Protein backbone atom coordinates (compact mmCIF):
# COMPACT_ATOMS: atom_id res chain seq x y z
CA UNK A 1 -34.88 53.20 66.36
CA UNK A 2 -37.83 50.89 66.95
CA UNK A 3 -38.45 48.09 64.49
CA UNK A 4 -41.65 46.18 63.95
CA UNK A 5 -41.81 43.10 61.79
CA UNK A 6 -45.05 41.94 60.24
CA UNK A 7 -46.37 39.76 57.47
CA UNK A 8 -45.96 36.32 58.95
CA UNK A 9 -48.63 33.67 58.76
CA UNK A 10 -49.51 30.18 57.64
CA UNK A 11 -48.60 29.14 54.12
CA UNK A 12 -48.37 25.86 52.26
CA UNK A 13 -45.05 24.50 51.10
CA UNK A 14 -44.06 26.10 47.83
CA UNK A 15 -45.89 29.28 48.67
CA UNK A 16 -44.67 32.80 49.26
CA UNK A 17 -44.80 35.47 51.93
CA UNK A 18 -43.44 38.97 52.18
CA UNK A 19 -42.31 40.20 55.56
CA UNK A 20 -42.08 43.89 56.35
CA UNK A 21 -39.93 45.69 58.90
CA UNK A 22 -41.15 49.18 59.73
CA UNK A 23 -38.73 51.51 61.48
CA UNK A 24 -39.81 54.38 63.67
CA UNK A 25 -38.19 56.81 66.04
CA UNK A 26 -35.77 58.22 63.54
CA UNK A 27 -34.64 57.66 59.98
CA UNK A 28 -33.32 54.20 59.31
CA UNK A 29 -31.69 55.02 56.00
CA UNK A 30 -28.14 55.15 57.38
CA UNK A 31 -28.30 51.70 58.96
CA UNK A 32 -27.59 48.35 57.46
CA UNK A 33 -30.32 45.83 58.16
CA UNK A 34 -30.71 42.10 58.41
CA UNK A 35 -33.22 39.31 58.83
CA UNK A 36 -32.88 36.43 61.22
CA UNK A 37 -35.07 33.54 62.29
CA UNK A 38 -35.37 31.19 65.22
CA UNK A 39 -37.08 27.84 65.02
CA UNK A 40 -38.31 26.06 68.17
CA UNK A 41 -35.43 24.51 70.04
CA UNK A 42 -32.83 26.00 67.72
CA UNK A 43 -30.47 28.94 67.85
CA UNK A 44 -31.17 32.15 66.03
CA UNK A 45 -30.05 31.95 62.41
CA UNK A 46 -28.84 34.79 60.23
CA UNK A 47 -30.61 34.91 56.85
CA UNK A 48 -29.78 38.03 54.89
CA UNK A 49 -28.21 41.43 55.12
CA UNK A 50 -28.63 44.65 53.13
CA UNK A 51 -26.55 47.82 53.15
CA UNK A 52 -28.10 51.18 53.93
CA UNK A 53 -28.21 52.20 50.26
CA UNK A 54 -29.84 48.93 49.25
CA UNK A 55 -26.99 47.88 47.00
CA UNK A 56 -24.92 45.31 48.87
CA UNK A 57 -26.78 42.12 49.73
CA UNK A 58 -25.68 38.92 51.39
CA UNK A 59 -27.63 35.70 51.94
CA UNK A 60 -26.95 32.56 53.86
CA UNK A 61 -26.87 29.46 51.69
CA UNK A 62 -30.11 28.03 53.02
CA UNK A 63 -32.18 30.88 51.57
CA UNK A 64 -30.09 31.99 48.61
CA UNK A 65 -32.18 31.99 45.45
CA UNK A 66 -35.46 31.78 47.38
CA UNK A 67 -35.46 34.88 49.61
CA UNK A 68 -34.88 38.48 48.58
CA UNK A 69 -34.04 41.30 50.97
CA UNK A 70 -34.92 44.86 50.02
CA UNK A 71 -35.72 48.21 51.52
CA UNK A 72 -37.57 51.43 50.76
CA UNK A 73 -35.76 54.18 52.61
CA UNK A 74 -38.45 56.70 51.72
CA UNK A 75 -40.87 54.56 53.70
CA UNK A 76 -38.35 53.65 56.39
CA UNK A 77 -39.24 50.03 55.77
CA UNK A 78 -37.37 46.84 54.95
CA UNK A 79 -38.69 43.68 53.36
CA UNK A 80 -37.98 40.01 53.02
CA UNK A 81 -39.66 38.31 50.07
CA UNK A 82 -39.78 34.58 50.68
CA UNK A 83 -40.56 32.22 47.81
CA UNK A 84 -40.59 28.44 47.47
CA UNK A 85 -41.15 28.09 51.18
CA UNK A 86 -40.38 24.78 52.85
CA UNK A 87 -41.62 23.31 56.13
CA UNK A 88 -38.12 23.79 57.53
CA UNK A 89 -38.55 27.55 57.05
CA UNK A 90 -41.04 27.52 59.91
CA UNK A 91 -39.74 29.90 62.56
CA UNK A 92 -40.14 33.27 64.19
CA UNK A 93 -38.57 35.85 61.89
CA UNK A 94 -36.84 38.97 63.18
CA UNK A 95 -35.55 42.08 61.51
CA UNK A 96 -32.60 43.95 62.93
CA UNK A 97 -30.74 47.18 62.32
CA UNK A 98 -27.03 47.69 62.45
CA UNK A 99 -25.10 50.42 64.19
CA UNK A 100 -24.34 52.44 61.09
CA UNK A 101 -23.83 50.49 57.89
CA UNK A 102 -21.44 47.81 59.09
CA UNK A 103 -21.62 47.84 62.87
CA UNK A 104 -23.13 45.22 65.15
CA UNK A 105 -26.87 44.59 65.13
CA UNK A 106 -28.13 47.09 67.64
CA UNK A 107 -31.85 47.38 66.99
CA UNK A 108 -34.24 44.45 67.06
CA UNK A 109 -37.90 44.16 66.26
CA UNK A 110 -40.34 41.73 67.76
CA UNK A 111 -40.65 38.59 65.72
CA UNK A 112 -43.32 37.50 63.32
CA UNK A 113 -44.24 33.83 63.08
CA UNK A 114 -44.04 32.02 59.76
CA UNK A 115 -45.51 28.53 59.59
CA UNK A 116 -45.08 26.45 56.46
CA UNK A 117 -47.29 23.39 56.20
CA UNK A 118 -46.36 20.34 54.16
């Protein structure tokens, strides 16, 4: 499975962006998926995870209530809706696919840069 994240850009604090993660190569509908980010000089941070059927969601505290993870299995695409963005959300965002529904993250897309200005 190849993943490609898109939708990043420059946004003012308080604004919104929606990131997309398009899967190709084979169907992605049996894989759990997640979003991560990495800010300059910092380690990669887990943000959110979604089960293959789109039902079970988990968010890290720093984005809970502001970000929403979703997927459209018919389109083989995942999403991360980001609202109330803060300057500290500035980072390169990555989507990733799990090995099956609960296995380790096995598939990684290239990142998309999100910059939030104050």
